[in-house]
PDB file of N, CA and C in Angstrom:
ATOM      1  N   MET A   1       5.087  12.218   0.825  1.00  0.00           N
ATOM      2  CA  MET A   1       5.288  11.278  -0.037  1.00  0.00           C
ATOM      3  C   MET A   1       6.351  11.737  -1.157  1.00  0.00           C
ATOM      4  N   LYS A   2       5.888  13.087  -1.563  1.00  0.00           N
ATOM      5  CA  LYS A   2       6.680  13.786  -2.576  1.00  0.00           C
ATOM      6  C   LYS A   2       8.234  14.202  -2.230  1.00  0.00           C
ATOM      7  N   GLN A   3       9.010  13.485  -3.036  1.00  0.00           N
ATOM      8  CA  GLN A   3      10.402  13.849  -2.744  1.00  0.00           C
ATOM      9  C   GLN A   3      10.624  15.240  -3.799  1.00  0.00           C
ATOM     10  N   GLY A   4      10.104  15.211  -4.928  1.00  0.00           N
ATOM     11  CA  GLY A   4      10.247  16.313  -5.616  1.00  0.00           C
ATOM     12  C   GLY A   4      11.475  16.415  -6.660  1.00  0.00           C
ATOM     13  N   ASN A   5      12.117  15.209  -6.802  1.00  0.00           N
ATOM     14  CA  ASN A   5      13.324  15.250  -7.516  1.00  0.00           C
ATOM     15  C   ASN A   5      12.873  14.911  -8.918  1.00  0.00           C
ATOM     16  N   PHE A   6      11.648  14.497  -9.279  1.00  0.00           N
ATOM     17  CA  PHE A   6      11.532  14.085 -10.552  1.00  0.00           C
ATOM     18  C   PHE A   6      10.115  14.512 -10.801  1.00  0.00           C
ATOM     19  N   LYS A   7       9.798  15.198 -12.239  1.00  0.00           N
ATOM     20  CA  LYS A   7       8.672  15.731 -12.782  1.00  0.00           C
ATOM     21  C   LYS A   7       7.431  14.748 -12.242  1.00  0.00           C
ATOM     22  N   PHE A   8       7.316  13.657 -12.465  1.00  0.00           N
ATOM     23  CA  PHE A   8       6.238  12.847 -12.101  1.00  0.00           C
ATOM     24  C   PHE A   8       5.826  12.758 -10.596  1.00  0.00           C
ATOM     25  N   GLU A   9       6.694  13.298  -9.801  1.00  0.00           N
ATOM     26  CA  GLU A   9       6.476  13.111  -8.444  1.00  0.00           C
ATOM     27  C   GLU A   9       5.459  14.256  -7.876  1.00  0.00           C
ATOM     28  N   LYS A  10       5.355  15.399  -8.970  1.00  0.00           N
ATOM     29  CA  LYS A  10       4.565  16.550  -8.802  1.00  0.00           C
ATOM     30  C   LYS A  10       3.148  16.206  -9.251  1.00  0.00           C
ATOM     31  N   LEU A  11       2.845  15.116  -9.893  1.00  0.00           N
ATOM     32  CA  LEU A  11       1.544  15.002 -10.330  1.00  0.00           C
ATOM     33  C   LEU A  11       0.653  14.267  -9.629  1.00  0.00           C
ATOM     34  N   LYS A  12      -0.450  14.857  -9.284  1.00  0.00           N
ATOM     35  CA  LYS A  12      -1.438  14.257  -8.595  1.00  0.00           C
ATOM     36  C   LYS A  12      -2.196  12.917  -8.841  1.00  0.00           C
ATOM     37  N   VAL A  13      -2.372  12.793 -10.187  1.00  0.00           N
ATOM     38  CA  VAL A  13      -2.697  11.498 -10.814  1.00  0.00           C
ATOM     39  C   VAL A  13      -1.565  10.417 -10.532  1.00  0.00           C
ATOM     40  N   TRP A  14      -0.354  10.826 -10.410  1.00  0.00           N
ATOM     41  CA  TRP A  14       0.587   9.543  -9.992  1.00  0.00           C
ATOM     42  C   TRP A  14       0.408   9.167  -8.760  1.00  0.00           C
ATOM     43  N   GLU A  15       0.306  10.213  -7.836  1.00  0.00           N
ATOM     44  CA  GLU A  15      -0.090   9.852  -6.320  1.00  0.00           C
ATOM     45  C   GLU A  15      -1.226   9.100  -6.064  1.00  0.00           C
ATOM     46  N   LYS A  16      -2.090   9.306  -6.871  1.00  0.00           N
ATOM     47  CA  LYS A  16      -3.520   8.599  -6.649  1.00  0.00           C
ATOM     48  C   LYS A  16      -3.178   7.088  -7.263  1.00  0.00           C
ATOM     49  N   ALA A  17      -2.443   7.057  -8.306  1.00  0.00           N
ATOM     50  CA  ALA A  17      -2.050   5.707  -8.738  1.00  0.00           C
ATOM     51  C   ALA A  17      -1.330   4.958  -7.874  1.00  0.00           C
ATOM     52  N   ILE A  18      -0.228   5.494  -7.145  1.00  0.00           N
ATOM     53  CA  ILE A  18       0.440   4.839  -6.284  1.00  0.00           C
ATOM     54  C   ILE A  18      -0.382   4.181  -5.014  1.00  0.00           C
ATOM     55  N   GLN A  19      -1.452   5.379  -4.564  1.00  0.00           N
ATOM     56  CA  GLN A  19      -2.158   4.933  -3.422  1.00  0.00           C
ATOM     57  C   GLN A  19      -3.202   3.742  -4.003  1.00  0.00           C
ATOM     58  N   LEU A  20      -3.501   3.764  -5.222  1.00  0.00           N
ATOM     59  CA  LEU A  20      -4.470   2.748  -5.637  1.00  0.00           C
ATOM     60  C   LEU A  20      -3.564   1.280  -5.511  1.00  0.00           C
ATOM     61  N   SER A  21      -2.527   1.400  -6.143  1.00  0.00           N
ATOM     62  CA  SER A  21      -1.530   0.043  -5.880  1.00  0.00           C
ATOM     63  C   SER A  21      -1.265  -0.286  -4.705  1.00  0.00           C
ATOM     64  N   ASN A  22      -1.317   0.521  -3.669  1.00  0.00           N
ATOM     65  CA  ASN A  22      -1.068   0.162  -2.195  1.00  0.00           C
ATOM     66  C   ASN A  22      -2.317  -0.434  -1.770  1.00  0.00           C
ATOM     67  N   ASP A  23      -3.438   0.159  -2.049  1.00  0.00           N
ATOM     68  CA  ASP A  23      -5.046  -0.227  -1.777  1.00  0.00           C
ATOM     69  C   ASP A  23      -5.169  -1.655  -2.217  1.00  0.00           C
ATOM     70  N   VAL A  24      -4.946  -1.939  -3.523  1.00  0.00           N
ATOM     71  CA  VAL A  24      -4.945  -3.226  -4.239  1.00  0.00           C
ATOM     72  C   VAL A  24      -4.343  -4.405  -3.540  1.00  0.00           C
ATOM     73  N   HIS A  25      -2.815  -3.791  -3.201  1.00  0.00           N
ATOM     74  CA  HIS A  25      -2.057  -4.887  -2.632  1.00  0.00           C
ATOM     75  C   HIS A  25      -2.822  -5.226  -1.203  1.00  0.00           C
ATOM     76  N   MET A  26      -3.218  -4.435  -0.501  1.00  0.00           N
ATOM     77  CA  MET A  26      -3.860  -4.735   0.865  1.00  0.00           C
ATOM     78  C   MET A  26      -5.177  -5.554   0.559  1.00  0.00           C
ATOM     79  N   MET A  27      -5.954  -5.254  -0.521  1.00  0.00           N
ATOM     80  CA  MET A  27      -7.096  -5.833  -0.626  1.00  0.00           C
ATOM     81  C   MET A  27      -6.939  -7.377  -0.993  1.00  0.00           C
ATOM     82  N   THR A  28      -5.920  -7.623  -1.791  1.00  0.00           N
ATOM     83  CA  THR A  28      -5.612  -8.919  -2.531  1.00  0.00           C
ATOM     84  C   THR A  28      -4.778  -9.850  -1.411  1.00  0.00           C
ATOM     85  N   ARG A  29      -4.493  -9.277  -0.348  1.00  0.00           N
ATOM     86  CA  ARG A  29      -3.569 -10.084   0.662  1.00  0.00           C
ATOM     87  C   ARG A  29      -4.468 -11.289   1.022  1.00  0.00           C
ATOM     88  N   ASP A  30      -5.798 -11.240   1.405  1.00  0.00           N
ATOM     89  CA  ASP A  30      -6.517 -12.218   1.818  1.00  0.00           C
ATOM     90  C   ASP A  30      -7.326 -13.253   0.668  1.00  0.00           C
ATOM     91  N   TRP A  31      -6.896 -12.914  -0.610  1.00  0.00           N
ATOM     92  CA  TRP A  31      -7.707 -13.696  -1.505  1.00  0.00           C
ATOM     93  C   TRP A  31      -7.085 -15.125  -1.242  1.00  0.00           C
ATOM     94  N   PRO A  32      -7.917 -16.028  -2.071  1.00  0.00           N
ATOM     95  CA  PRO A  32      -7.452 -17.539  -1.999  1.00  0.00           C
ATOM     96  C   PRO A  32      -6.104 -17.873  -2.685  1.00  0.00           C
ATOM     97  N   LYS A  33      -5.559 -18.707  -2.240  1.00  0.00           N
ATOM     98  CA  LYS A  33      -4.238 -18.849  -2.774  1.00  0.00           C
ATOM     99  C   LYS A  33      -4.303 -19.458  -4.399  1.00  0.00           C
ATOM    100  N   GLU A  34      -5.627 -20.058  -4.905  1.00  0.00           N
ATOM    101  CA  GLU A  34      -5.545 -20.335  -6.187  1.00  0.00           C
ATOM    102  C   GLU A  34      -5.831 -19.204  -7.036  1.00  0.00           C
ATOM    103  N   GLU A  35      -6.007 -18.164  -6.447  1.00  0.00           N
ATOM    104  CA  GLU A  35      -5.909 -16.921  -7.319  1.00  0.00           C
ATOM    105  C   GLU A  35      -4.806 -16.097  -7.275  1.00  0.00           C
ATOM    106  N   MET A  36      -3.484 -16.714  -6.722  1.00  0.00           N
ATOM    107  CA  MET A  36      -2.404 -15.923  -6.508  1.00  0.00           C
ATOM    108  C   MET A  36      -1.676 -15.625  -7.928  1.00  0.00           C
ATOM    109  N   TYR A  37      -1.693 -16.640  -8.791  1.00  0.00           N
ATOM    110  CA  TYR A  37      -1.143 -16.505  -9.830  1.00  0.00           C
ATOM    111  C   TYR A  37      -1.975 -16.210 -11.076  1.00  0.00           C
ATOM    112  N   ILE A  38      -3.176 -15.721 -10.795  1.00  0.00           N
ATOM    113  CA  ILE A  38      -4.346 -15.552 -11.716  1.00  0.00           C
ATOM    114  C   ILE A  38      -4.724 -14.065 -11.496  1.00  0.00           C
ATOM    115  N   LEU A  39      -5.729 -13.982 -10.810  1.00  0.00           N
ATOM    116  CA  LEU A  39      -6.541 -12.682 -10.767  1.00  0.00           C
ATOM    117  C   LEU A  39      -5.737 -11.744  -9.864  1.00  0.00           C
ATOM    118  N   THR A  40      -4.993 -12.295  -8.730  1.00  0.00           N
ATOM    119  CA  THR A  40      -4.213 -11.474  -7.688  1.00  0.00           C
ATOM    120  C   THR A  40      -3.065 -10.786  -8.505  1.00  0.00           C
ATOM    121  N   SER A  41      -2.355 -11.637  -9.070  1.00  0.00           N
ATOM    122  CA  SER A  41      -1.448 -11.037 -10.029  1.00  0.00           C
ATOM    123  C   SER A  41      -1.576  -9.946 -11.069  1.00  0.00           C
ATOM    124  N   GLN A  42      -2.672 -10.423 -11.657  1.00  0.00           N
ATOM    125  CA  GLN A  42      -3.074  -9.654 -13.058  1.00  0.00           C
ATOM    126  C   GLN A  42      -3.510  -8.175 -12.404  1.00  0.00           C
ATOM    127  N   ILE A  43      -4.450  -8.154 -11.178  1.00  0.00           N
ATOM    128  CA  ILE A  43      -4.746  -6.821 -10.901  1.00  0.00           C
ATOM    129  C   ILE A  43      -3.767  -6.018 -10.159  1.00  0.00           C
ATOM    130  N   LYS A  44      -2.835  -6.599  -9.481  1.00  0.00           N
ATOM    131  CA  LYS A  44      -1.698  -6.134  -8.852  1.00  0.00           C
ATOM    132  C   LYS A  44      -0.680  -5.388 -10.207  1.00  0.00           C
ATOM    133  N   ARG A  45      -0.472  -6.190 -11.251  1.00  0.00           N
ATOM    134  CA  ARG A  45       0.387  -5.804 -12.516  1.00  0.00           C
ATOM    135  C   ARG A  45      -0.304  -4.656 -13.107  1.00  0.00           C
ATOM    136  N   ALA A  46      -1.612  -4.823 -13.260  1.00  0.00           N
ATOM    137  CA  ALA A  46      -2.207  -3.571 -13.986  1.00  0.00           C
ATOM    138  C   ALA A  46      -2.447  -2.615 -13.253  1.00  0.00           C
ATOM    139  N   THR A  47      -2.320  -2.446 -11.811  1.00  0.00           N
ATOM    140  CA  THR A  47      -2.642  -1.278 -11.029  1.00  0.00           C
ATOM    141  C   THR A  47      -1.208  -0.616 -10.875  1.00  0.00           C
ATOM    142  N   ASP A  48      -0.078  -1.413 -10.826  1.00  0.00           N
ATOM    143  CA  ASP A  48       1.184  -0.908 -10.786  1.00  0.00           C
ATOM    144  C   ASP A  48       1.548  -0.291 -12.162  1.00  0.00           C
ATOM    145  N   SER A  49       0.990  -0.897 -13.201  1.00  0.00           N
ATOM    146  CA  SER A  49       1.433  -0.403 -14.541  1.00  0.00           C
ATOM    147  C   SER A  49       0.795   1.175 -14.696  1.00  0.00           C
ATOM    148  N   ILE A  50      -0.188   1.552 -13.994  1.00  0.00           N
ATOM    149  CA  ILE A  50      -0.780   2.845 -13.966  1.00  0.00           C
ATOM    150  C   ILE A  50       0.485   3.921 -13.742  1.00  0.00           C
ATOM    151  N   SER A  51       0.888   3.857 -12.478  1.00  0.00           N
ATOM    152  CA  SER A  51       1.764   4.720 -11.906  1.00  0.00           C
ATOM    153  C   SER A  51       3.378   4.534 -12.817  1.00  0.00           C
ATOM    154  N   LEU A  52       3.548   3.325 -12.991  1.00  0.00           N
ATOM    155  CA  LEU A  52       4.782   3.156 -13.654  1.00  0.00           C
ATOM    156  C   LEU A  52       4.863   3.890 -15.137  1.00  0.00           C
ATOM    157  N   ASN A  53       3.836   3.616 -15.996  1.00  0.00           N
ATOM    158  CA  ASN A  53       3.704   4.358 -17.080  1.00  0.00           C
ATOM    159  C   ASN A  53       3.478   5.835 -17.060  1.00  0.00           C
ATOM    160  N   ILE A  54       3.175   6.368 -16.086  1.00  0.00           N
ATOM    161  CA  ILE A  54       2.936   7.945 -15.698  1.00  0.00           C
ATOM    162  C   ILE A  54       4.534   8.216 -15.662  1.00  0.00           C
ATOM    163  N   ALA A  55       5.244   7.582 -14.747  1.00  0.00           N
ATOM    164  CA  ALA A  55       6.513   7.944 -14.370  1.00  0.00           C
ATOM    165  C   ALA A  55       7.416   7.643 -15.516  1.00  0.00           C
ATOM    166  N   GLU A  56       7.180   6.636 -16.389  1.00  0.00           N
ATOM    167  CA  GLU A  56       8.235   6.511 -17.436  1.00  0.00           C
ATOM    168  C   GLU A  56       8.015   7.332 -18.477  1.00  0.00           C
ATOM    169  N   GLY A  57       6.776   7.776 -18.701  1.00  0.00           N
ATOM    170  CA  GLY A  57       6.481   8.609 -19.917  1.00  0.00           C
ATOM    171  C   GLY A  57       6.812  10.041 -19.604  1.00  0.00           C
ATOM    172  N   CYS A  58       6.676  10.523 -18.244  1.00  0.00           N
ATOM    173  CA  CYS A  58       7.052  11.855 -17.962  1.00  0.00           C
ATOM    174  C   CYS A  58       8.353  12.151 -17.947  1.00  0.00           C
ATOM    175  N   THR A  59       9.449  11.233 -17.973  1.00  0.00           N
ATOM    176  CA  THR A  59      10.830  11.233 -18.226  1.00  0.00           C
ATOM    177  C   THR A  59      11.154  11.256 -19.934  1.00  0.00           C
ATOM    178  N   GLY A  60      10.272  11.206 -20.573  1.00  0.00           N
ATOM    179  CA  GLY A  60      10.619  10.833 -22.078  1.00  0.00           C
ATOM    180  C   GLY A  60      11.038  12.208 -22.759  1.00  0.00           C
ATOM    181  N   GLN A  61      11.387  12.220 -23.841  1.00  0.00           N
ATOM    182  CA  GLN A  61      12.065  13.306 -24.713  1.00  0.00           C
ATOM    183  C   GLN A  61      10.888  13.991 -25.402  1.00  0.00           C
ATOM    184  N   SER A  62       9.739  13.630 -25.649  1.00  0.00           N
ATOM    185  CA  SER A  62       8.696  14.582 -26.179  1.00  0.00           C
ATOM    186  C   SER A  62       7.305  14.473 -25.586  1.00  0.00           C
ATOM    187  N   ASP A  63       6.711  15.393 -26.031  1.00  0.00           N
ATOM    188  CA  ASP A  63       5.161  15.323 -25.662  1.00  0.00           C
ATOM    189  C   ASP A  63       4.363  14.199 -26.201  1.00  0.00           C
ATOM    190  N   ALA A  64       4.687  13.966 -27.502  1.00  0.00           N
ATOM    191  CA  ALA A  64       3.899  12.826 -28.131  1.00  0.00           C
ATOM    192  C   ALA A  64       4.702  11.409 -27.223  1.00  0.00           C
ATOM    193  N   GLU A  65       5.728  11.309 -26.784  1.00  0.00           N
ATOM    194  CA  GLU A  65       6.156  10.096 -26.045  1.00  0.00           C
ATOM    195  C   GLU A  65       5.291  10.116 -24.875  1.00  0.00           C
ATOM    196  N   PHE A  66       5.059  11.236 -24.016  1.00  0.00           N
ATOM    197  CA  PHE A  66       4.480  11.253 -22.782  1.00  0.00           C
ATOM    198  C   PHE A  66       2.767  10.917 -22.993  1.00  0.00           C
ATOM    199  N   LYS A  67       2.383  11.253 -23.855  1.00  0.00           N
ATOM    200  CA  LYS A  67       0.917  11.168 -24.436  1.00  0.00           C
ATOM    201  C   LYS A  67       0.844   9.502 -24.618  1.00  0.00           C
ATOM    202  N   LYS A  68       1.863   8.877 -25.454  1.00  0.00           N
ATOM    203  CA  LYS A  68       1.769   7.330 -25.427  1.00  0.00           C
ATOM    204  C   LYS A  68       1.912   6.812 -24.195  1.00  0.00           C
ATOM    205  N   PHE A  69       2.577   7.070 -23.482  1.00  0.00           N
ATOM    206  CA  PHE A  69       2.642   6.341 -22.088  1.00  0.00           C
ATOM    207  C   PHE A  69       1.372   6.636 -21.229  1.00  0.00           C
ATOM    208  N   LEU A  70       0.766   7.669 -21.295  1.00  0.00           N
ATOM    209  CA  LEU A  70      -0.276   7.919 -20.802  1.00  0.00           C
ATOM    210  C   LEU A  70      -1.537   7.107 -21.207  1.00  0.00           C
ATOM    211  N   SER A  71      -1.268   6.971 -22.453  1.00  0.00           N
ATOM    212  CA  SER A  71      -2.530   5.911 -23.196  1.00  0.00           C
ATOM    213  C   SER A  71      -2.209   4.884 -22.595  1.00  0.00           C
ATOM    214  N   TYR A  72      -1.027   4.249 -22.367  1.00  0.00           N
ATOM    215  CA  TYR A  72      -0.752   2.848 -21.814  1.00  0.00           C
ATOM    216  C   TYR A  72      -1.296   2.920 -20.354  1.00  0.00           C
ATOM    217  N   SER A  73      -1.062   3.983 -19.760  1.00  0.00           N
ATOM    218  CA  SER A  73      -1.802   3.989 -18.145  1.00  0.00           C
ATOM    219  C   SER A  73      -3.035   3.822 -18.309  1.00  0.00           C
ATOM    220  N   SER A  74      -3.809   4.575 -19.163  1.00  0.00           N
ATOM    221  CA  SER A  74      -5.278   4.308 -18.911  1.00  0.00           C
ATOM    222  C   SER A  74      -5.701   3.225 -19.437  1.00  0.00           C
ATOM    223  N   ARG A  75      -4.968   2.550 -20.346  1.00  0.00           N
ATOM    224  CA  ARG A  75      -5.327   1.088 -20.697  1.00  0.00           C
ATOM    225  C   ARG A  75      -5.504   0.331 -19.422  1.00  0.00           C
ATOM    226  N   SER A  76      -4.277   0.418 -18.871  1.00  0.00           N
ATOM    227  CA  SER A  76      -3.994  -0.426 -17.424  1.00  0.00           C
ATOM    228  C   SER A  76      -5.111  -0.034 -16.640  1.00  0.00           C
ATOM    229  N   ALA A  77      -5.559   1.129 -16.534  1.00  0.00           N
ATOM    230  CA  ALA A  77      -6.639   1.466 -15.462  1.00  0.00           C
ATOM    231  C   ALA A  77      -7.864   0.686 -15.879  1.00  0.00           C
ATOM    232  N   LEU A  78      -8.145   0.607 -17.016  1.00  0.00           N
ATOM    233  CA  LEU A  78      -9.333   0.047 -17.715  1.00  0.00           C
ATOM    234  C   LEU A  78      -9.296  -1.566 -17.500  1.00  0.00           C
ATOM    235  N   GLU A  79      -8.039  -2.084 -17.473  1.00  0.00           N
ATOM    236  CA  GLU A  79      -7.737  -3.623 -17.028  1.00  0.00           C
ATOM    237  C   GLU A  79      -8.094  -3.653 -15.577  1.00  0.00           C
ATOM    238  N   VAL A  80      -7.955  -2.711 -14.971  1.00  0.00           N
ATOM    239  CA  VAL A  80      -8.231  -2.827 -13.268  1.00  0.00           C
ATOM    240  C   VAL A  80      -9.558  -2.867 -13.046  1.00  0.00           C
ATOM    241  N   ILE A  81     -10.408  -1.951 -13.939  1.00  0.00           N
ATOM    242  CA  ILE A  81     -11.708  -2.218 -13.803  1.00  0.00           C
ATOM    243  C   ILE A  81     -12.357  -3.320 -14.237  1.00  0.00           C
ATOM    244  N   ASN A  82     -11.777  -3.984 -15.310  1.00  0.00           N
ATOM    245  CA  ASN A  82     -12.099  -5.266 -15.663  1.00  0.00           C
ATOM    246  C   ASN A  82     -12.024  -6.482 -14.519  1.00  0.00           C
ATOM    247  N   CYS A  83     -10.842  -6.420 -13.936  1.00  0.00           N
ATOM    248  CA  CYS A  83     -10.273  -7.247 -12.811  1.00  0.00           C
ATOM    249  C   CYS A  83     -11.456  -7.039 -11.585  1.00  0.00           C
ATOM    250  N   LEU A  84     -11.839  -5.997 -11.360  1.00  0.00           N
ATOM    251  CA  LEU A  84     -12.722  -5.665 -10.289  1.00  0.00           C
ATOM    252  C   LEU A  84     -14.053  -6.357 -10.563  1.00  0.00           C
ATOM    253  N   TYR A  85     -14.361  -6.310 -11.962  1.00  0.00           N
ATOM    254  CA  TYR A  85     -15.759  -7.245 -12.136  1.00  0.00           C
ATOM    255  C   TYR A  85     -15.399  -8.583 -11.939  1.00  0.00           C
ATOM    256  N   LEU A  86     -14.217  -9.121 -12.518  1.00  0.00           N
ATOM    257  CA  LEU A  86     -14.035 -10.695 -12.291  1.00  0.00           C
ATOM    258  C   LEU A  86     -13.923 -10.827 -10.542  1.00  0.00           C
ATOM    259  N   ALA A  87     -13.321 -10.125  -9.909  1.00  0.00           N
ATOM    260  CA  ALA A  87     -13.323 -10.266  -8.286  1.00  0.00           C
ATOM    261  C   ALA A  87     -14.715 -10.267  -7.776  1.00  0.00           C
ATOM    262  N   LYS A  88     -15.480  -9.290  -8.172  1.00  0.00           N
ATOM    263  CA  LYS A  88     -16.731  -9.409  -7.597  1.00  0.00           C
ATOM    264  C   LYS A  88     -17.601 -10.500  -8.157  1.00  0.00           C
ATOM    265  N   GLY A  89     -17.472 -10.777  -9.212  1.00  0.00           N
ATOM    266  CA  GLY A  89     -18.076 -12.185  -9.693  1.00  0.00           C
ATOM    267  C   GLY A  89     -17.627 -13.544  -9.052  1.00  0.00           C
ATOM    268  N   ARG A  90     -16.367 -13.364  -8.547  1.00  0.00           N
ATOM    269  CA  ARG A  90     -15.895 -14.593  -8.019  1.00  0.00           C
ATOM    270  C   ARG A  90     -16.049 -14.369  -6.425  1.00  0.00           C
ATOM    271  N   GLU A  91     -16.811 -13.388  -6.072  1.00  0.00           N
ATOM    272  CA  GLU A  91     -17.056 -13.166  -4.722  1.00  0.00           C
ATOM    273  C   GLU A  91     -15.715 -12.997  -3.890  1.00  0.00           C
ATOM    274  N   LEU A  92     -14.752 -12.170  -4.266  1.00  0.00           N
ATOM    275  CA  LEU A  92     -13.608 -12.033  -3.466  1.00  0.00           C
ATOM    276  C   LEU A  92     -13.774 -10.519  -3.120  1.00  0.00           C
ATOM    277  N   ILE A  93     -14.604  -9.674  -3.622  1.00  0.00           N
ATOM    278  CA  ILE A  93     -15.111  -8.391  -3.150  1.00  0.00           C
ATOM    279  C   ILE A  93     -16.424  -8.046  -3.253  1.00  0.00           C
ATOM    280  N   ASP A  94     -17.097  -7.389  -2.160  1.00  0.00           N
ATOM    281  CA  ASP A  94     -18.417  -7.142  -2.135  1.00  0.00           C
ATOM    282  C   ASP A  94     -18.609  -5.887  -3.066  1.00  0.00           C
ATOM    283  N   GLN A  95     -20.138  -5.669  -3.136  1.00  0.00           N
ATOM    284  CA  GLN A  95     -20.522  -4.541  -4.103  1.00  0.00           C
ATOM    285  C   GLN A  95     -20.024  -3.225  -3.506  1.00  0.00           C
ATOM    286  N   SER A  96     -20.017  -2.978  -2.138  1.00  0.00           N
ATOM    287  CA  SER A  96     -19.495  -1.851  -1.812  1.00  0.00           C
ATOM    288  C   SER A  96     -17.960  -1.498  -2.061  1.00  0.00           C
ATOM    289  N   LEU A  97     -17.197  -2.424  -1.843  1.00  0.00           N
ATOM    290  CA  LEU A  97     -15.538  -2.327  -2.335  1.00  0.00           C
ATOM    291  C   LEU A  97     -15.651  -2.100  -3.818  1.00  0.00           C
ATOM    292  N   PHE A  98     -16.417  -2.922  -4.593  1.00  0.00           N
ATOM    293  CA  PHE A  98     -16.146  -2.624  -6.002  1.00  0.00           C
ATOM    294  C   PHE A  98     -16.725  -1.299  -6.366  1.00  0.00           C
ATOM    295  N   ASP A  99     -17.664  -0.678  -5.849  1.00  0.00           N
ATOM    296  CA  ASP A  99     -18.170   0.594  -6.089  1.00  0.00           C
ATOM    297  C   ASP A  99     -17.176   1.696  -5.974  1.00  0.00           C
ATOM    298  N   THR A 100     -16.427   1.550  -4.609  1.00  0.00           N
ATOM    299  CA  THR A 100     -15.308   2.331  -4.075  1.00  0.00           C
ATOM    300  C   THR A 100     -14.174   2.418  -4.969  1.00  0.00           C
ATOM    301  N   LYS A 101     -13.595   1.195  -5.307  1.00  0.00           N
ATOM    302  CA  LYS A 101     -12.567   1.069  -6.278  1.00  0.00           C
ATOM    303  C   LYS A 101     -12.990   1.463  -7.506  1.00  0.00           C
ATOM    304  N   TYR A 102     -14.020   1.198  -8.010  1.00  0.00           N
ATOM    305  CA  TYR A 102     -14.541   1.642  -9.588  1.00  0.00           C
ATOM    306  C   TYR A 102     -14.468   3.011  -9.584  1.00  0.00           C
ATOM    307  N   GLU A 103     -14.931   3.788  -8.423  1.00  0.00           N
ATOM    308  CA  GLU A 103     -14.963   5.115  -8.636  1.00  0.00           C
ATOM    309  C   GLU A 103     -13.777   5.797  -8.560  1.00  0.00           C
ATOM    310  N   TYR A 104     -12.900   5.217  -7.813  1.00  0.00           N
ATOM    311  CA  TYR A 104     -11.525   5.676  -7.493  1.00  0.00           C
ATOM    312  C   TYR A 104     -10.533   5.501  -8.911  1.00  0.00           C
ATOM    313  N   VAL A 105     -10.721   4.512  -9.449  1.00  0.00           N
ATOM    314  CA  VAL A 105     -10.216   4.236 -10.799  1.00  0.00           C
ATOM    315  C   VAL A 105     -10.598   5.167 -11.971  1.00  0.00           C
ATOM    316  N   GLY A 106     -11.944   5.221 -11.741  1.00  0.00           N
ATOM    317  CA  GLY A 106     -12.508   6.280 -12.744  1.00  0.00           C
ATOM    318  C   GLY A 106     -11.940   7.632 -12.612  1.00  0.00           C
ATOM    319  N   GLU A 107     -11.756   8.035 -11.366  1.00  0.00           N
ATOM    320  CA  GLU A 107     -11.118   9.426 -11.089  1.00  0.00           C
ATOM    321  C   GLU A 107      -9.940   9.483 -11.763  1.00  0.00           C
ATOM    322  N   ILE A 108      -9.216   8.385 -11.653  1.00  0.00           N
ATOM    323  CA  ILE A 108      -7.640   8.457 -11.972  1.00  0.00           C
ATOM    324  C   ILE A 108      -7.894   8.482 -13.913  1.00  0.00           C
ATOM    325  N   VAL A 109      -8.723   7.779 -14.225  1.00  0.00           N
ATOM    326  CA  VAL A 109      -8.858   7.492 -15.851  1.00  0.00           C
ATOM    327  C   VAL A 109      -8.973   8.993 -16.252  1.00  0.00           C
ATOM    328  N   LYS A 110      -9.873   9.793 -15.599  1.00  0.00           N
ATOM    329  CA  LYS A 110     -10.204  11.205 -15.995  1.00  0.00           C
ATOM    330  C   LYS A 110      -9.126  12.048 -15.931  1.00  0.00           C
ATOM    331  N   MET A 111      -8.474  11.862 -14.700  1.00  0.00           N
ATOM    332  CA  MET A 111      -7.190  12.756 -14.689  1.00  0.00           C
ATOM    333  C   MET A 111      -5.951  12.260 -15.672  1.00  0.00           C
ATOM    334  N   ILE A 112      -6.132  11.116 -16.031  1.00  0.00           N
ATOM    335  CA  ILE A 112      -5.122  10.839 -17.084  1.00  0.00           C
ATOM    336  C   ILE A 112      -5.565  11.435 -18.343  1.00  0.00           C
ATOM    337  N   PHE A 113      -6.637  11.326 -18.755  1.00  0.00           N
ATOM    338  CA  PHE A 113      -7.113  12.111 -20.060  1.00  0.00           C
ATOM    339  C   PHE A 113      -7.065  13.573 -20.083  1.00  0.00           C
ATOM    340  N   GLY A 114      -7.353  14.245 -18.720  1.00  0.00           N
ATOM    341  CA  GLY A 114      -7.201  15.598 -18.801  1.00  0.00           C
ATOM    342  C   GLY A 114      -5.785  16.123 -18.842  1.00  0.00           C
ATOM    343  N   LEU A 115      -4.715  15.144 -18.089  1.00  0.00           N
ATOM    344  CA  LEU A 115      -3.475  15.618 -18.393  1.00  0.00           C
ATOM    345  C   LEU A 115      -2.946  15.200 -19.803  1.00  0.00           C
ATOM    346  N   LYS A 116      -3.402  14.499 -20.386  1.00  0.00           N
ATOM    347  CA  LYS A 116      -3.017  14.020 -21.943  1.00  0.00           C
ATOM    348  C   LYS A 116      -3.503  15.163 -22.623  1.00  0.00           C
ATOM    349  N   ASN A 117      -4.663  15.524 -22.676  1.00  0.00           N
ATOM    350  CA  ASN A 117      -5.167  16.626 -23.217  1.00  0.00           C
ATOM    351  C   ASN A 117      -4.510  18.095 -23.192  1.00  0.00           C
ATOM    352  N   SER A 118      -3.899  18.250 -22.005  1.00  0.00           N
ATOM    353  CA  SER A 118      -3.450  19.338 -21.518  1.00  0.00           C
ATOM    354  C   SER A 118      -1.943  19.583 -22.018  1.00  0.00           C
ATOM    355  N   ILE A 119      -1.346  18.366 -22.603  1.00  0.00           N
ATOM    356  CA  ILE A 119       0.031  18.421 -23.010  1.00  0.00           C
ATOM    357  C   ILE A 119       0.179  19.028 -24.365  1.00  0.00           C
ATOM    358  N   GLY A 120       1.348  19.815 -24.358  1.00  0.00           N
ATOM    359  CA  GLY A 120       1.303  20.512 -25.872  1.00  0.00           C
ATOM    360  C   GLY A 120       0.366  21.724 -25.963  1.00  0.00           C
ATOM    361  N   LYS A 121      -0.282  22.226 -25.121  1.00  0.00           N
ATOM    362  CA  LYS A 121      -1.024  23.157 -25.179  1.00  0.00           C
ATOM    363  C   LYS A 121      -0.526  24.490 -24.588  1.00  0.00           C
TER     364      LYS A 121
END
């Protein structure tokens, strides 16, 4: 997957965020049509926003700018967690899938905070 022309392509957290977006896309394909413009759209936009903000911030002018975009990225990840709770409550996903995705998003959040804390050191 790595082309290597851009700094963000070298980041493991960006790769994981891309994988999450692809997984969520597949997960939501069979959700009911009445959720298409509600929860399906919301979780997909939030998931995509994680990698998009990492990429955009990585090409910024300063460390402070990158940290700001990493904050946006972590907020989007927490939005995904909330969407997972909604999906489970609406019986769109079972407990096992919830647990798997919850753990995966949790790993991404930890990696974002680790990256954010390493900037400027």
